[in-house]
């Protein structure tokens, strides 16, 4: 069982099926680091961007649609 409450076998299958280029799901800490960066002065010159924090999933499989 993972810390997200998902059985490891299901998580591994989802990772394989989605073909995440980094080979794993992002951690909560990685998401927090991204949010911290976007909220900081280091990102003050960024405007109007859509940034996918997905381990390269959409670059690798741009036709994936999430409903």
PDB file of N, CA and C in Angstrom:
ATOM      1  N   UNK A   1       0.847  -1.175   0.000  1.00  0.00           N
ATOM      2  CA  UNK A   1       0.000   0.000   0.000  1.00  0.00           C
ATOM      3  C   UNK A   1       0.895   1.243   0.000  1.00  0.00           C
ATOM      4  N   UNK A   2       0.602   2.194  -0.880  1.00  0.00           N
ATOM      5  CA  UNK A   2       1.385   3.427  -0.929  1.00  0.00           C
ATOM      6  C   UNK A   2       0.873   4.405   0.112  1.00  0.00           C
ATOM      7  N   UNK A   3       1.561   5.489   0.275  1.00  0.00           N
ATOM      8  CA  UNK A   3       1.121   6.480   1.258  1.00  0.00           C
ATOM      9  C   UNK A   3      -0.144   7.199   0.819  1.00  0.00           C
ATOM     10  N   UNK A   4      -0.538   7.006  -0.442  1.00  0.00           N
ATOM     11  CA  UNK A   4      -1.782   7.593  -0.936  1.00  0.00           C
ATOM     12  C   UNK A   4      -2.948   6.636  -0.737  1.00  0.00           C
ATOM     13  N   UNK A   5      -2.686   5.458  -0.195  1.00  0.00           N
ATOM     14  CA  UNK A   5      -3.729   4.473   0.025  1.00  0.00           C
ATOM     15  C   UNK A   5      -4.047   3.633  -1.198  1.00  0.00           C
ATOM     16  N   UNK A   6      -3.203   3.710  -2.216  1.00  0.00           N
ATOM     17  CA  UNK A   6      -3.400   2.936  -3.442  1.00  0.00           C
ATOM     18  C   UNK A   6      -2.497   1.706  -3.370  1.00  0.00           C
ATOM     19  N   UNK A   7      -3.047   0.519  -3.614  1.00  0.00           N
ATOM     20  CA  UNK A   7      -2.179  -0.666  -3.626  1.00  0.00           C
ATOM     21  C   UNK A   7      -1.052  -0.486  -4.644  1.00  0.00           C
ATOM     22  N   UNK A   8       0.142  -0.911  -4.287  1.00  0.00           N
ATOM     23  CA  UNK A   8       1.325  -0.700  -5.124  1.00  0.00           C
ATOM     24  C   UNK A   8       1.157  -1.326  -6.505  1.00  0.00           C
ATOM     25  N   UNK A   9       0.464  -2.461  -6.597  1.00  0.00           N
ATOM     26  CA  UNK A   9       0.269  -3.112  -7.895  1.00  0.00           C
ATOM     27  C   UNK A   9      -0.551  -2.223  -8.834  1.00  0.00           C
ATOM     28  N   UNK A  10      -1.563  -1.572  -8.302  1.00  0.00           N
ATOM     29  CA  UNK A  10      -2.400  -0.679  -9.121  1.00  0.00           C
ATOM     30  C   UNK A  10      -1.597   0.546  -9.536  1.00  0.00           C
ATOM     31  N   UNK A  11      -0.825   1.105  -8.620  1.00  0.00           N
ATOM     32  CA  UNK A  11      -0.005   2.269  -8.939  1.00  0.00           C
ATOM     33  C   UNK A  11       1.014   1.932 -10.029  1.00  0.00           C
ATOM     34  N   UNK A  12       1.644   0.769  -9.930  1.00  0.00           N
ATOM     35  CA  UNK A  12       2.609   0.349 -10.956  1.00  0.00           C
ATOM     36  C   UNK A  12       1.930   0.164 -12.312  1.00  0.00           C
ATOM     37  N   UNK A  13       0.721  -0.416 -12.322  1.00  0.00           N
ATOM     38  CA  UNK A  13      -0.007  -0.605 -13.577  1.00  0.00           C
ATOM     39  C   UNK A  13      -0.387   0.739 -14.183  1.00  0.00           C
ATOM     40  N   UNK A  14      -0.872   1.658 -13.373  1.00  0.00           N
ATOM     41  CA  UNK A  14      -1.226   2.987 -13.880  1.00  0.00           C
ATOM     42  C   UNK A  14      -0.002   3.691 -14.451  1.00  0.00           C
ATOM     43  N   UNK A  15       1.128   3.583 -13.756  1.00  0.00           N
ATOM     44  CA  UNK A  15       2.361   4.208 -14.231  1.00  0.00           C
ATOM     45  C   UNK A  15       2.760   3.623 -15.579  1.00  0.00           C
ATOM     46  N   UNK A  16       2.671   2.308 -15.706  1.00  0.00           N
ATOM     47  CA  UNK A  16       3.021   1.647 -16.969  1.00  0.00           C
ATOM     48  C   UNK A  16       2.026   2.027 -18.065  1.00  0.00           C
ATOM     49  N   UNK A  17       0.728   1.983 -17.766  1.00  0.00           N
ATOM     50  CA  UNK A  17      -0.302   2.288 -18.759  1.00  0.00           C
ATOM     51  C   UNK A  17      -0.226   3.733 -19.235  1.00  0.00           C
ATOM     52  N   UNK A  18       0.044   4.656 -18.322  1.00  0.00           N
ATOM     53  CA  UNK A  18       0.142   6.067 -18.698  1.00  0.00           C
ATOM     54  C   UNK A  18       1.472   6.378 -19.371  1.00  0.00           C
ATOM     55  N   UNK A  19       2.465   5.509 -19.198  1.00  0.00           N
ATOM     56  CA  UNK A  19       3.790   5.698 -19.792  1.00  0.00           C
ATOM     57  C   UNK A  19       4.409   7.044 -19.404  1.00  0.00           C
ATOM     58  N   UNK A  20       4.428   7.315 -18.114  1.00  0.00           N
ATOM     59  CA  UNK A  20       5.026   8.545 -17.610  1.00  0.00           C
ATOM     60  C   UNK A  20       6.527   8.487 -17.897  1.00  0.00           C
ATOM     61  N   UNK A  21       7.061   9.432 -18.677  1.00  0.00           N
ATOM     62  CA  UNK A  21       8.476   9.383 -19.044  1.00  0.00           C
ATOM     63  C   UNK A  21       9.442   9.282 -17.861  1.00  0.00           C
ATOM     64  N   UNK A  22       9.130   9.927 -16.757  1.00  0.00           N
ATOM     65  CA  UNK A  22      10.025   9.815 -15.602  1.00  0.00           C
ATOM     66  C   UNK A  22       9.873   8.480 -14.885  1.00  0.00           C
ATOM     67  N   UNK A  23       8.853   7.701 -15.256  1.00  0.00           N
ATOM     68  CA  UNK A  23       8.689   6.365 -14.702  1.00  0.00           C
ATOM     69  C   UNK A  23       8.093   6.301 -13.316  1.00  0.00           C
ATOM     70  N   UNK A  24       7.526   7.393 -12.860  1.00  0.00           N
ATOM     71  CA  UNK A  24       6.931   7.404 -11.518  1.00  0.00           C
ATOM     72  C   UNK A  24       5.964   8.573 -11.406  1.00  0.00           C
ATOM     73  N   UNK A  25       5.126   8.523 -10.397  1.00  0.00           N
ATOM     74  CA  UNK A  25       4.220   9.627 -10.109  1.00  0.00           C
ATOM     75  C   UNK A  25       4.980  10.666  -9.286  1.00  0.00           C
ATOM     76  N   UNK A  26       4.569  11.898  -9.377  1.00  0.00           N
ATOM     77  CA  UNK A  26       5.178  12.955  -8.571  1.00  0.00           C
ATOM     78  C   UNK A  26       4.807  12.803  -7.109  1.00  0.00           C
ATOM     79  N   UNK A  27       5.669  13.311  -6.266  1.00  0.00           N
ATOM     80  CA  UNK A  27       5.405  13.251  -4.826  1.00  0.00           C
ATOM     81  C   UNK A  27       4.714  14.533  -4.378  1.00  0.00           C
ATOM     82  N   UNK A  28       4.030  14.483  -3.238  1.00  0.00           N
ATOM     83  CA  UNK A  28       3.435  15.709  -2.704  1.00  0.00           C
ATOM     84  C   UNK A  28       4.489  16.802  -2.488  1.00  0.00           C
ATOM     85  N   UNK A  29       5.698  16.391  -2.099  1.00  0.00           N
ATOM     86  CA  UNK A  29       6.767  17.368  -1.887  1.00  0.00           C
ATOM     87  C   UNK A  29       7.146  18.060  -3.196  1.00  0.00           C
ATOM     88  N   UNK A  30       7.169  17.310  -4.293  1.00  0.00           N
ATOM     89  CA  UNK A  30       7.482  17.913  -5.593  1.00  0.00           C
ATOM     90  C   UNK A  30       6.402  18.903  -6.012  1.00  0.00           C
ATOM     91  N   UNK A  31       5.158  18.571  -5.751  1.00  0.00           N
ATOM     92  CA  UNK A  31       4.065  19.493  -6.071  1.00  0.00           C
ATOM     93  C   UNK A  31       4.180  20.755  -5.213  1.00  0.00           C
ATOM     94  N   UNK A  32       4.506  20.565  -3.934  1.00  0.00           N
ATOM     95  CA  UNK A  32       4.659  21.707  -3.028  1.00  0.00           C
ATOM     96  C   UNK A  32       5.811  22.603  -3.467  1.00  0.00           C
ATOM     97  N   UNK A  33       6.910  22.009  -3.931  1.00  0.00           N
ATOM     98  CA  UNK A  33       8.045  22.801  -4.423  1.00  0.00           C
ATOM     99  C   UNK A  33       7.635  23.651  -5.622  1.00  0.00           C
ATOM    100  N   UNK A  34       6.848  23.068  -6.522  1.00  0.00           N
ATOM    101  CA  UNK A  34       6.378  23.816  -7.683  1.00  0.00           C
ATOM    102  C   UNK A  34       5.485  24.979  -7.250  1.00  0.00           C
ATOM    103  N   UNK A  35       4.552  24.702  -6.365  1.00  0.00           N
ATOM    104  CA  UNK A  35       3.646  25.749  -5.881  1.00  0.00           C
ATOM    105  C   UNK A  35       4.435  26.843  -5.179  1.00  0.00           C
ATOM    106  N   UNK A  36       5.420  26.449  -4.391  1.00  0.00           N
ATOM    107  CA  UNK A  36       6.262  27.419  -3.692  1.00  0.00           C
ATOM    108  C   UNK A  36       7.008  28.307  -4.684  1.00  0.00           C
ATOM    109  N   UNK A  37       7.518  27.710  -5.756  1.00  0.00           N
ATOM    110  CA  UNK A  37       8.215  28.484  -6.781  1.00  0.00           C
ATOM    111  C   UNK A  37       7.271  29.478  -7.450  1.00  0.00           C
ATOM    112  N   UNK A  38       6.106  29.014  -7.869  1.00  0.00           N
ATOM    113  CA  UNK A  38       5.148  29.880  -8.568  1.00  0.00           C
ATOM    114  C   UNK A  38       4.699  31.040  -7.681  1.00  0.00           C
ATOM    115  N   UNK A  39       4.609  30.781  -6.387  1.00  0.00           N
ATOM    116  CA  UNK A  39       4.174  31.823  -5.456  1.00  0.00           C
ATOM    117  C   UNK A  39       5.307  32.757  -5.036  1.00  0.00           C
ATOM    118  N   UNK A  40       6.535  32.440  -5.435  1.00  0.00           N
ATOM    119  CA  UNK A  40       7.683  33.230  -4.991  1.00  0.00           C
ATOM    120  C   UNK A  40       8.017  34.360  -5.962  1.00  0.00           C
ATOM    121  N   UNK A  41       8.899  35.233  -5.531  1.00  0.00           N
ATOM    122  CA  UNK A  41       9.386  36.312  -6.388  1.00  0.00           C
ATOM    123  C   UNK A  41      10.225  35.780  -7.551  1.00  0.00           C
ATOM    124  N   UNK A  42      10.727  34.556  -7.440  1.00  0.00           N
ATOM    125  CA  UNK A  42      11.520  33.968  -8.527  1.00  0.00           C
ATOM    126  C   UNK A  42      10.694  33.781  -9.795  1.00  0.00           C
ATOM    127  N   UNK A  43       9.378  33.721  -9.654  1.00  0.00           N
ATOM    128  CA  UNK A  43       8.496  33.543 -10.810  1.00  0.00           C
ATOM    129  C   UNK A  43       7.792  34.848 -11.177  1.00  0.00           C
ATOM    130  N   UNK A  44       8.304  35.964 -10.705  1.00  0.00           N
ATOM    131  CA  UNK A  44       7.606  37.242 -10.890  1.00  0.00           C
ATOM    132  C   UNK A  44       7.496  37.692 -12.343  1.00  0.00           C
ATOM    133  N   UNK A  45       8.334  37.191 -13.228  1.00  0.00           N
ATOM    134  CA  UNK A  45       8.287  37.604 -14.629  1.00  0.00           C
ATOM    135  C   UNK A  45       7.444  36.652 -15.479  1.00  0.00           C
ATOM    136  N   UNK A  46       6.936  35.618 -14.863  1.00  0.00           N
ATOM    137  CA  UNK A  46       6.088  34.660 -15.586  1.00  0.00           C
ATOM    138  C   UNK A  46       4.655  35.167 -15.595  1.00  0.00           C
ATOM    139  N   UNK A  47       4.049  35.144 -16.774  1.00  0.00           N
ATOM    140  CA  UNK A  47       2.644  35.534 -16.890  1.00  0.00           C
ATOM    141  C   UNK A  47       1.944  34.640 -17.905  1.00  0.00           C
ATOM    142  N   UNK A  48       0.696  34.339 -17.647  1.00  0.00           N
ATOM    143  CA  UNK A  48      -0.148  33.643 -18.607  1.00  0.00           C
ATOM    144  C   UNK A  48       0.345  32.298 -19.081  1.00  0.00           C
ATOM    145  N   UNK A  49       0.981  31.548 -18.224  1.00  0.00           N
ATOM    146  CA  UNK A  49       1.525  30.250 -18.629  1.00  0.00           C
ATOM    147  C   UNK A  49       0.690  29.105 -18.082  1.00  0.00           C
ATOM    148  N   UNK A  50       0.630  28.041 -18.841  1.00  0.00           N
ATOM    149  CA  UNK A  50       0.079  26.781 -18.358  1.00  0.00           C
ATOM    150  C   UNK A  50       1.266  25.846 -18.207  1.00  0.00           C
ATOM    151  N   UNK A  51       1.528  25.441 -16.990  1.00  0.00           N
ATOM    152  CA  UNK A  51       2.684  24.601 -16.710  1.00  0.00           C
ATOM    153  C   UNK A  51       2.179  23.246 -16.226  1.00  0.00           C
ATOM    154  N   UNK A  52       2.510  22.215 -16.958  1.00  0.00           N
ATOM    155  CA  UNK A  52       2.108  20.863 -16.583  1.00  0.00           C
ATOM    156  C   UNK A  52       3.190  20.250 -15.709  1.00  0.00           C
ATOM    157  N   UNK A  53       2.820  19.926 -14.497  1.00  0.00           N
ATOM    158  CA  UNK A  53       3.742  19.264 -13.576  1.00  0.00           C
ATOM    159  C   UNK A  53       3.308  17.801 -13.554  1.00  0.00           C
ATOM    160  N   UNK A  54       3.764  17.061 -14.569  1.00  0.00           N
ATOM    161  CA  UNK A  54       3.230  15.714 -14.782  1.00  0.00           C
ATOM    162  C   UNK A  54       4.288  14.687 -15.171  1.00  0.00           C
ATOM    163  N   UNK A  55       5.542  14.982 -14.924  1.00  0.00           N
ATOM    164  CA  UNK A  55       6.593  14.023 -15.250  1.00  0.00           C
ATOM    165  C   UNK A  55       6.788  13.790 -16.737  1.00  0.00           C
ATOM    166  N   UNK A  56       6.292  14.713 -17.558  1.00  0.00           N
ATOM    167  CA  UNK A  56       6.430  14.592 -19.004  1.00  0.00           C
ATOM    168  C   UNK A  56       5.289  13.858 -19.682  1.00  0.00           C
ATOM    169  N   UNK A  57       4.232  13.539 -18.940  1.00  0.00           N
ATOM    170  CA  UNK A  57       3.127  12.747 -19.474  1.00  0.00           C
ATOM    171  C   UNK A  57       2.508  13.375 -20.715  1.00  0.00           C
ATOM    172  N   UNK A  58       2.174  14.657 -20.673  1.00  0.00           N
ATOM    173  CA  UNK A  58       1.504  15.276 -21.818  1.00  0.00           C
ATOM    174  C   UNK A  58       2.431  15.494 -23.002  1.00  0.00           C
ATOM    175  N   UNK A  59       3.712  15.670 -22.754  1.00  0.00           N
ATOM    176  CA  UNK A  59       4.664  15.790 -23.856  1.00  0.00           C
ATOM    177  C   UNK A  59       4.787  14.447 -24.572  1.00  0.00           C
ATOM    178  N   UNK A  60       4.789  13.397 -23.794  1.00  0.00           N
ATOM    179  CA  UNK A  60       4.929  12.040 -24.335  1.00  0.00           C
ATOM    180  C   UNK A  60       3.637  11.562 -24.996  1.00  0.00           C
ATOM    181  N   UNK A  61       2.495  11.924 -24.423  1.00  0.00           N
ATOM    182  CA  UNK A  61       1.193  11.459 -24.915  1.00  0.00           C
ATOM    183  C   UNK A  61       0.214  12.626 -24.990  1.00  0.00           C
ATOM    184  N   UNK A  62       0.387  13.553 -25.927  1.00  0.00           N
ATOM    185  CA  UNK A  62      -0.462  14.746 -25.966  1.00  0.00           C
ATOM    186  C   UNK A  62      -1.928  14.474 -26.256  1.00  0.00           C
ATOM    187  N   UNK A  63      -2.267  13.278 -26.711  1.00  0.00           N
ATOM    188  CA  UNK A  63      -3.662  12.998 -27.034  1.00  0.00           C
ATOM    189  C   UNK A  63      -4.466  12.459 -25.855  1.00  0.00           C
ATOM    190  N   UNK A  64      -3.839  12.284 -24.693  1.00  0.00           N
ATOM    191  CA  UNK A  64      -4.568  11.790 -23.525  1.00  0.00           C
ATOM    192  C   UNK A  64      -5.600  12.836 -23.125  1.00  0.00           C
ATOM    193  N   UNK A  65      -6.826  12.387 -22.923  1.00  0.00           N
ATOM    194  CA  UNK A  65      -7.898  13.291 -22.508  1.00  0.00           C
ATOM    195  C   UNK A  65      -8.400  12.846 -21.136  1.00  0.00           C
ATOM    196  N   UNK A  66      -8.487  13.776 -20.234  1.00  0.00           N
ATOM    197  CA  UNK A  66      -9.004  13.500 -18.905  1.00  0.00           C
ATOM    198  C   UNK A  66     -10.381  14.121 -18.797  1.00  0.00           C
ATOM    199  N   UNK A  67     -11.380  13.318 -18.474  1.00  0.00           N
ATOM    200  CA  UNK A  67     -12.751  13.830 -18.343  1.00  0.00           C
ATOM    201  C   UNK A  67     -13.066  14.167 -16.916  1.00  0.00           C
TER     202      UNK A  67
END
